[in-house]
Structure formats: structure tokens, C-alpha cells
Amino acid sequence: MLRRDAPRQRDSFTGSEGVLAAVADLFFVARIRETARLTGVSVEFARTPEQVEAAVARGPRFALLDLTAGWDYERVLQALAGVPVLGFTTHALARQTQPWHERCARVVTKETLTQELPRLLREGVGA
């Protein structure tokens, strides 16, 4: 049920107001979309490296990047140059995703992302 006082969440953003979520996992897409709606933060989802490249041109405030999606992270992170990146991974894949950690402003586990998501969406990577 939608609350009448809940702000509307968009699947795209303009200017530096929104967050780019480069996420392939549909569970996290749904979680991020609902949390963004409840916090009044606009989020644009990118499910491919090409969509990431297109979204960066619209100037996201920061990007959430799923480091477990199996993408060409060299390409994705090159496209995200100049955009603060919050990478997320799992404990089990932390070693495998390690090469990309230094290119992110912060890296958290999926569990931590879930717990801190409302604050992260409102306050950004430094939260």
C-alpha cells in the first residue's frame, strides 16, 4: 500500500541530485528502488555497462556498483571516473573482487549495504 505522504521515486535523475545504481541482482534492484522511494531520493538503474556509460552523462551524485555482477569492471569503472563509487560485494567474493576495491570510494558487503541503505542514499558515499 502506498502512503500518500511518501515522495515519488523516479527511475532516472537529472543533474547531481540522484544516484546511479549499477546493479544486476533483481533482489537488490527492488530493495534499492523501494528504499529510494521511501527516502525521496531519485535513482537511475543501469543493468549493463552500456547503460552505466549513458547514465554517467546525466551527472549522478554517486554510484552504487555491484562488484559481483561479473561485468567488465575496467570499462564500468572507467566510465564512472569522477563519480564517487560505493562498491558492494559478498564476504565470499571479497578476495575475488579485491582488484576493484581501490577504484571505489568505499566498499561494503551486501549485508552492510542493506543495513545502511537509507542513510547512504540520503548522505552519499561518505555516510
Protein backbone atom coordinates (compact mmCIF):
# COMPACT_ATOMS: atom_id res chain seq x y z
CA MET A 1 0.00 0.00 0.00
CA LEU A 2 1.38 3.40 -0.93
CA ARG A 3 1.46 6.09 1.67
CA ARG A 4 0.06 9.35 0.37
CA ASP A 5 2.83 11.35 2.02
CA ALA A 6 5.63 9.20 0.58
CA PRO A 7 7.71 11.05 -2.01
CA ARG A 8 7.65 9.74 -5.55
CA GLN A 9 10.74 7.90 -6.69
CA ARG A 10 11.87 8.09 -10.29
CA ASP A 11 13.85 5.56 -12.28
CA SER A 12 16.04 8.35 -13.65
CA PHE A 13 17.56 11.56 -12.43
CA THR A 14 18.75 14.89 -13.72
CA GLY A 15 21.68 16.95 -12.55
CA SER A 16 23.56 15.98 -9.41
CA GLU A 17 20.51 15.08 -7.36
CA GLY A 18 20.35 11.35 -7.92
CA VAL A 19 22.14 8.10 -7.50
CA LEU A 20 23.19 5.69 -10.21
CA ALA A 21 22.67 2.07 -9.20
CA ALA A 22 24.66 -0.31 -11.41
CA VAL A 23 23.04 -3.49 -10.17
CA ALA A 24 22.16 -6.74 -11.93
CA ASP A 25 20.65 -8.59 -8.94
CA LEU A 26 16.86 -8.12 -9.13
CA PHE A 27 16.54 -8.54 -5.35
CA PHE A 28 18.79 -5.53 -4.81
CA VAL A 29 17.10 -3.56 -7.59
CA ALA A 30 13.79 -3.98 -5.76
CA ARG A 31 15.32 -3.17 -2.37
CA ILE A 32 17.10 -0.06 -3.65
CA ARG A 33 14.02 1.13 -5.57
CA GLU A 34 11.75 0.83 -2.51
CA THR A 35 14.27 2.41 -0.12
CA ALA A 36 14.84 5.27 -2.57
CA ARG A 37 11.09 5.82 -2.82
CA LEU A 38 10.74 5.95 0.95
CA THR A 39 13.68 8.34 1.36
CA GLY A 40 12.72 10.58 -1.57
CA VAL A 41 15.98 10.01 -3.45
CA SER A 42 15.91 9.62 -7.22
CA VAL A 43 17.74 6.57 -8.55
CA GLU A 44 18.56 5.53 -12.08
CA PHE A 45 19.26 1.83 -12.60
CA ALA A 46 21.82 0.52 -15.04
CA ARG A 47 21.90 -3.20 -15.70
CA THR A 48 24.62 -3.21 -18.36
CA PRO A 49 27.94 -1.40 -18.86
CA GLU A 50 26.35 0.50 -21.77
CA GLN A 51 23.59 1.79 -19.51
CA VAL A 52 26.22 2.88 -16.96
CA GLU A 53 28.04 4.89 -19.63
CA ALA A 54 24.81 6.61 -20.70
CA ALA A 55 23.74 7.40 -17.13
CA VAL A 56 27.08 8.97 -16.16
CA ALA A 57 26.42 11.77 -18.65
CA ARG A 58 23.44 12.83 -16.51
CA GLY A 59 25.71 13.55 -13.53
CA PRO A 60 24.86 11.24 -10.63
CA ARG A 61 25.77 12.33 -7.11
CA PHE A 62 27.37 8.91 -6.60
CA ALA A 63 27.09 5.37 -7.93
CA LEU A 64 26.25 2.08 -6.25
CA LEU A 65 28.17 -0.66 -8.04
CA ASP A 66 27.52 -4.39 -7.66
CA LEU A 67 31.00 -5.92 -7.77
CA THR A 68 29.51 -9.43 -8.02
CA ALA A 69 27.66 -8.93 -11.33
CA GLY A 70 30.52 -10.25 -13.46
CA TRP A 71 30.73 -7.18 -15.69
CA ASP A 72 33.74 -5.70 -17.46
CA TYR A 73 34.70 -3.64 -14.39
CA GLU A 74 37.59 -1.95 -16.14
CA ARG A 75 35.09 -0.48 -18.60
CA VAL A 76 32.46 0.33 -15.97
CA LEU A 77 34.91 1.99 -13.58
CA GLN A 78 36.49 3.95 -16.41
CA ALA A 79 33.01 5.26 -17.29
CA LEU A 80 32.49 6.14 -13.61
CA ALA A 81 35.75 8.13 -13.37
CA GLY A 82 34.96 11.32 -11.47
CA VAL A 83 31.85 9.83 -9.84
CA PRO A 84 32.22 8.62 -6.23
CA VAL A 85 31.58 4.86 -6.25
CA LEU A 86 30.20 2.75 -3.42
CA GLY A 87 31.02 -0.82 -4.39
CA PHE A 88 29.35 -3.76 -2.76
CA THR A 89 30.28 -7.43 -2.65
CA THR A 90 29.79 -10.51 -0.51
CA HIS A 91 32.11 -11.90 2.15
CA ALA A 92 32.62 -14.97 -0.03
CA LEU A 93 33.67 -12.91 -3.07
CA ALA A 94 35.67 -10.22 -1.25
CA ARG A 95 39.01 -11.65 -2.37
CA GLN A 96 37.82 -12.11 -5.95
CA THR A 97 36.52 -8.52 -6.15
CA GLN A 98 39.61 -7.08 -4.42
CA PRO A 99 41.18 -5.71 -7.64
CA TRP A 100 38.29 -3.25 -7.95
CA HIS A 101 38.15 -2.09 -4.32
CA GLU A 102 40.84 0.58 -4.69
CA ARG A 103 38.86 2.19 -7.53
CA CYS A 104 35.87 2.68 -5.22
CA ALA A 105 35.48 5.41 -2.60
CA ARG A 106 34.07 2.74 -0.27
CA VAL A 107 33.33 -1.00 -0.47
CA VAL A 108 30.80 -2.75 1.77
CA THR A 109 29.22 -6.17 1.96
CA LYS A 110 25.69 -6.69 0.70
CA GLU A 111 24.63 -7.10 4.33
CA THR A 112 26.08 -3.72 5.28
CA LEU A 113 24.54 -2.11 2.20
CA THR A 114 21.14 -3.42 3.21
CA GLN A 115 21.51 -2.07 6.76
CA GLU A 116 22.86 1.35 5.77
CA LEU A 117 20.98 1.92 2.51
CA PRO A 118 18.57 4.66 3.66
CA ARG A 119 21.41 6.74 5.12
CA LEU A 120 23.70 6.07 2.16
CA LEU A 121 21.06 7.17 -0.34
CA ARG A 122 20.43 10.39 1.59
CA GLU A 123 24.00 11.26 2.57
CA GLY A 124 26.20 9.59 -0.05
CA VAL A 125 29.37 7.54 -0.01
CA GLY A 126 30.87 9.33 2.99
CA ALA A 127 27.96 8.30 5.23
